[in-house]
Amino acid sequence: MTVKNAARLITLASIIQILSYLYALPGHLDEPTWSAHAQFHHVLGWIWLTGLNVAIITLAWGPLQKRDKGGFWALLALFIFAHGGHFFTSLAVPAGRPLESWYDFAIGAMSLIFAIGLGIGWRALSRQASA
């Protein structure tokens, strides 16, 4: 497996995350239990998540392709924030998490795709170091 395959999987997971949250965004706007300020932060959060994923894709196709270990560690850190954020928030605010259990599985599957990409990238970088 190559770092290009790693970047492909990481990109796929990032695009799925952006589009998934975009799909869910309108359902929360104009929600009667949310204040206008809470809705503002919801949209702002999606914009931040999109920016985070753009940075991830840039690192996957830039520094990772050059086999830069610093780029790999940055991807790992961004993975924790971008894909772990849902689970950390569920622990911090359990009453506010989505009621549908499939949601956790979908986020987990998306995270697994990204993690497999990281594993492939790490393996490629490790082989380079030992060569």
C-alpha atoms as a PDB file:
ATOM      1  CA  MET A   1       0.000   0.000   0.000  1.00  0.00           C
ATOM      2  CA  THR A   2       1.179   3.494  -0.769  1.00  0.00           C
ATOM      3  CA  VAL A   3       0.809   6.928   0.733  1.00  0.00           C
ATOM      4  CA  LYS A   4      -1.495   7.742  -2.210  1.00  0.00           C
ATOM      5  CA  ASN A   5      -3.887   5.051  -0.990  1.00  0.00           C
ATOM      6  CA  ALA A   6      -3.652   6.519   2.497  1.00  0.00           C
ATOM      7  CA  ALA A   7      -4.494   9.969   1.140  1.00  0.00           C
ATOM      8  CA  ARG A   8      -7.419   8.569  -0.850  1.00  0.00           C
ATOM      9  CA  LEU A   9      -8.981   7.000   2.256  1.00  0.00           C
ATOM     10  CA  ILE A  10      -8.339  10.079   4.393  1.00  0.00           C
ATOM     11  CA  THR A  11      -9.859  12.290   1.684  1.00  0.00           C
ATOM     12  CA  LEU A  12     -12.892  10.010   1.391  1.00  0.00           C
ATOM     13  CA  ALA A  13     -13.512  10.144   5.150  1.00  0.00           C
ATOM     14  CA  SER A  14     -13.108  13.936   5.158  1.00  0.00           C
ATOM     15  CA  ILE A  15     -15.518  14.464   2.257  1.00  0.00           C
ATOM     16  CA  ILE A  16     -18.063  12.126   3.848  1.00  0.00           C
ATOM     17  CA  GLN A  17     -17.796  14.075   7.101  1.00  0.00           C
ATOM     18  CA  ILE A  18     -18.275  17.458   5.423  1.00  0.00           C
ATOM     19  CA  LEU A  19     -21.277  16.257   3.412  1.00  0.00           C
ATOM     20  CA  SER A  20     -22.841  14.369   6.337  1.00  0.00           C
ATOM     21  CA  TYR A  21     -22.772  17.371   8.600  1.00  0.00           C
ATOM     22  CA  LEU A  22     -23.995  19.591   5.755  1.00  0.00           C
ATOM     23  CA  TYR A  23     -26.926  17.206   5.260  1.00  0.00           C
ATOM     24  CA  ALA A  24     -27.792  17.409   8.970  1.00  0.00           C
ATOM     25  CA  LEU A  25     -27.339  21.199   9.185  1.00  0.00           C
ATOM     26  CA  PRO A  26     -30.764  22.329   7.864  1.00  0.00           C
ATOM     27  CA  GLY A  27     -32.580  20.005  10.263  1.00  0.00           C
ATOM     28  CA  HIS A  28     -31.177  21.959  13.189  1.00  0.00           C
ATOM     29  CA  LEU A  29     -31.775  25.428  11.821  1.00  0.00           C
ATOM     30  CA  ASP A  30     -35.028  26.975  13.003  1.00  0.00           C
ATOM     31  CA  GLU A  31     -35.288  24.273  15.651  1.00  0.00           C
ATOM     32  CA  PRO A  32     -37.717  25.758  18.179  1.00  0.00           C
ATOM     33  CA  THR A  33     -35.721  24.652  21.239  1.00  0.00           C
ATOM     34  CA  TRP A  34     -32.537  26.373  20.007  1.00  0.00           C
ATOM     35  CA  SER A  35     -31.905  30.072  20.389  1.00  0.00           C
ATOM     36  CA  ALA A  36     -30.721  32.057  17.383  1.00  0.00           C
ATOM     37  CA  HIS A  37     -27.309  32.245  19.066  1.00  0.00           C
ATOM     38  CA  ALA A  38     -27.133  28.451  19.409  1.00  0.00           C
ATOM     39  CA  GLN A  39     -28.025  28.108  15.718  1.00  0.00           C
ATOM     40  CA  PHE A  40     -25.281  30.629  14.891  1.00  0.00           C
ATOM     41  CA  HIS A  41     -22.755  28.440  16.713  1.00  0.00           C
ATOM     42  CA  HIS A  42     -24.064  25.355  14.927  1.00  0.00           C
ATOM     43  CA  VAL A  43     -23.403  26.910  11.511  1.00  0.00           C
ATOM     44  CA  LEU A  44     -20.066  28.247  12.730  1.00  0.00           C
ATOM     45  CA  GLY A  45     -19.132  24.747  13.927  1.00  0.00           C
ATOM     46  CA  TRP A  46     -19.868  23.312  10.467  1.00  0.00           C
ATOM     47  CA  ILE A  47     -17.701  25.993   8.861  1.00  0.00           C
ATOM     48  CA  TRP A  48     -14.872  25.146  11.283  1.00  0.00           C
ATOM     49  CA  LEU A  49     -15.289  21.425  10.628  1.00  0.00           C
ATOM     50  CA  THR A  50     -15.117  22.068   6.894  1.00  0.00           C
ATOM     51  CA  GLY A  51     -11.920  24.084   7.352  1.00  0.00           C
ATOM     52  CA  LEU A  52     -10.443  21.346   9.516  1.00  0.00           C
ATOM     53  CA  ASN A  53     -11.171  18.776   6.815  1.00  0.00           C
ATOM     54  CA  VAL A  54      -9.697  20.998   4.101  1.00  0.00           C
ATOM     55  CA  ALA A  55      -6.512  21.171   6.209  1.00  0.00           C
ATOM     56  CA  ILE A  56      -6.587  17.374   6.575  1.00  0.00           C
ATOM     57  CA  ILE A  57      -6.915  16.862   2.813  1.00  0.00           C
ATOM     58  CA  THR A  58      -4.110  19.361   2.195  1.00  0.00           C
ATOM     59  CA  LEU A  59      -1.807  17.511   4.605  1.00  0.00           C
ATOM     60  CA  ALA A  60      -2.728  14.130   3.114  1.00  0.00           C
ATOM     61  CA  TRP A  61      -1.863  15.229  -0.424  1.00  0.00           C
ATOM     62  CA  GLY A  62       1.060  17.497   0.528  1.00  0.00           C
ATOM     63  CA  PRO A  63       3.396  16.570   3.389  1.00  0.00           C
ATOM     64  CA  LEU A  64       2.223  12.945   3.636  1.00  0.00           C
ATOM     65  CA  GLN A  65       3.003  12.392  -0.061  1.00  0.00           C
ATOM     66  CA  LYS A  66       6.500  13.739   0.601  1.00  0.00           C
ATOM     67  CA  ARG A  67       6.732  11.211   3.425  1.00  0.00           C
ATOM     68  CA  ASP A  68       7.033  13.929   6.022  1.00  0.00           C
ATOM     69  CA  LYS A  69       6.523  12.422   9.484  1.00  0.00           C
ATOM     70  CA  GLY A  70       5.533  15.815  10.880  1.00  0.00           C
ATOM     71  CA  GLY A  71       2.667  15.856   8.386  1.00  0.00           C
ATOM     72  CA  PHE A  72       1.614  12.420   9.579  1.00  0.00           C
ATOM     73  CA  TRP A  73       1.576  13.512  13.240  1.00  0.00           C
ATOM     74  CA  ALA A  74      -0.436  16.610  12.287  1.00  0.00           C
ATOM     75  CA  LEU A  75      -2.948  14.337  10.500  1.00  0.00           C
ATOM     76  CA  LEU A  76      -3.192  12.153  13.581  1.00  0.00           C
ATOM     77  CA  ALA A  77      -3.893  15.180  15.799  1.00  0.00           C
ATOM     78  CA  LEU A  78      -6.492  16.530  13.374  1.00  0.00           C
ATOM     79  CA  PHE A  79      -8.092  13.075  13.183  1.00  0.00           C
ATOM     80  CA  ILE A  80      -8.575  13.105  16.955  1.00  0.00           C
ATOM     81  CA  PHE A  81     -10.286  16.496  16.828  1.00  0.00           C
ATOM     82  CA  ALA A  82     -12.302  16.092  13.615  1.00  0.00           C
ATOM     83  CA  HIS A  83     -13.455  12.517  14.056  1.00  0.00           C
ATOM     84  CA  GLY A  84     -13.207  12.146  17.821  1.00  0.00           C
ATOM     85  CA  GLY A  85     -15.139  15.364  18.399  1.00  0.00           C
ATOM     86  CA  HIS A  86     -18.522  13.661  18.133  1.00  0.00           C
ATOM     87  CA  PHE A  87     -17.616  11.053  20.734  1.00  0.00           C
ATOM     88  CA  PHE A  88     -15.959  13.552  23.097  1.00  0.00           C
ATOM     89  CA  THR A  89     -19.024  15.791  22.870  1.00  0.00           C
ATOM     90  CA  SER A  90     -21.337  12.828  23.507  1.00  0.00           C
ATOM     91  CA  LEU A  91     -19.444  12.157  26.721  1.00  0.00           C
ATOM     92  CA  ALA A  92     -19.472  15.823  27.754  1.00  0.00           C
ATOM     93  CA  VAL A  93     -23.144  16.453  26.919  1.00  0.00           C
ATOM     94  CA  PRO A  94     -24.876  13.043  26.905  1.00  0.00           C
ATOM     95  CA  ALA A  95     -28.387  14.505  27.006  1.00  0.00           C
ATOM     96  CA  GLY A  96     -27.715  16.430  23.793  1.00  0.00           C
ATOM     97  CA  ARG A  97     -26.419  13.588  21.660  1.00  0.00           C
ATOM     98  CA  PRO A  98     -28.426  12.280  18.695  1.00  0.00           C
ATOM     99  CA  LEU A  99     -31.157   9.860  19.702  1.00  0.00           C
ATOM    100  CA  GLU A 100     -30.680   7.591  16.689  1.00  0.00           C
ATOM    101  CA  SER A 101     -28.128   4.875  17.468  1.00  0.00           C
ATOM    102  CA  TRP A 102     -27.182   4.464  13.783  1.00  0.00           C
ATOM    103  CA  TYR A 103     -25.538   7.874  13.978  1.00  0.00           C
ATOM    104  CA  ASP A 104     -22.754   6.629  16.263  1.00  0.00           C
ATOM    105  CA  PHE A 105     -22.142   3.664  13.963  1.00  0.00           C
ATOM    106  CA  ALA A 106     -21.995   5.906  10.883  1.00  0.00           C
ATOM    107  CA  ILE A 107     -19.518   8.269  12.565  1.00  0.00           C
ATOM    108  CA  GLY A 108     -17.531   5.249  13.749  1.00  0.00           C
ATOM    109  CA  ALA A 109     -17.391   3.794  10.224  1.00  0.00           C
ATOM    110  CA  MET A 110     -16.244   7.125   8.810  1.00  0.00           C
ATOM    111  CA  SER A 111     -13.584   7.321  11.521  1.00  0.00           C
ATOM    112  CA  LEU A 112     -12.479   3.773  10.747  1.00  0.00           C
ATOM    113  CA  ILE A 113     -11.929   4.678   7.079  1.00  0.00           C
ATOM    114  CA  PHE A 114      -9.720   7.579   8.183  1.00  0.00           C
ATOM    115  CA  ALA A 115      -7.879   5.392  10.715  1.00  0.00           C
ATOM    116  CA  ILE A 116      -7.149   2.763   8.054  1.00  0.00           C
ATOM    117  CA  GLY A 117      -5.736   5.547   5.885  1.00  0.00           C
ATOM    118  CA  LEU A 118      -3.527   6.649   8.784  1.00  0.00           C
ATOM    119  CA  GLY A 119      -2.388   3.061   9.301  1.00  0.00           C
ATOM    120  CA  ILE A 120      -1.446   2.713   5.637  1.00  0.00           C
ATOM    121  CA  GLY A 121       0.394   6.024   5.786  1.00  0.00           C
ATOM    122  CA  TRP A 122       2.277   5.035   8.933  1.00  0.00           C
ATOM    123  CA  ARG A 123       3.264   1.712   7.422  1.00  0.00           C
ATOM    124  CA  ALA A 124       4.587   3.426   4.293  1.00  0.00           C
ATOM    125  CA  LEU A 125       6.555   5.916   6.389  1.00  0.00           C
ATOM    126  CA  SER A 126       7.930   3.137   8.616  1.00  0.00           C
ATOM    127  CA  ARG A 127       9.127   1.164   5.596  1.00  0.00           C
ATOM    128  CA  GLN A 128      10.901   4.224   4.287  1.00  0.00           C
ATOM    129  CA  ALA A 129      12.687   4.721   7.615  1.00  0.00           C
ATOM    130  CA  SER A 130      13.877   1.135   7.719  1.00  0.00           C
ATOM    131  CA  ALA A 131      15.072   1.130   4.102  1.00  0.00           C
END
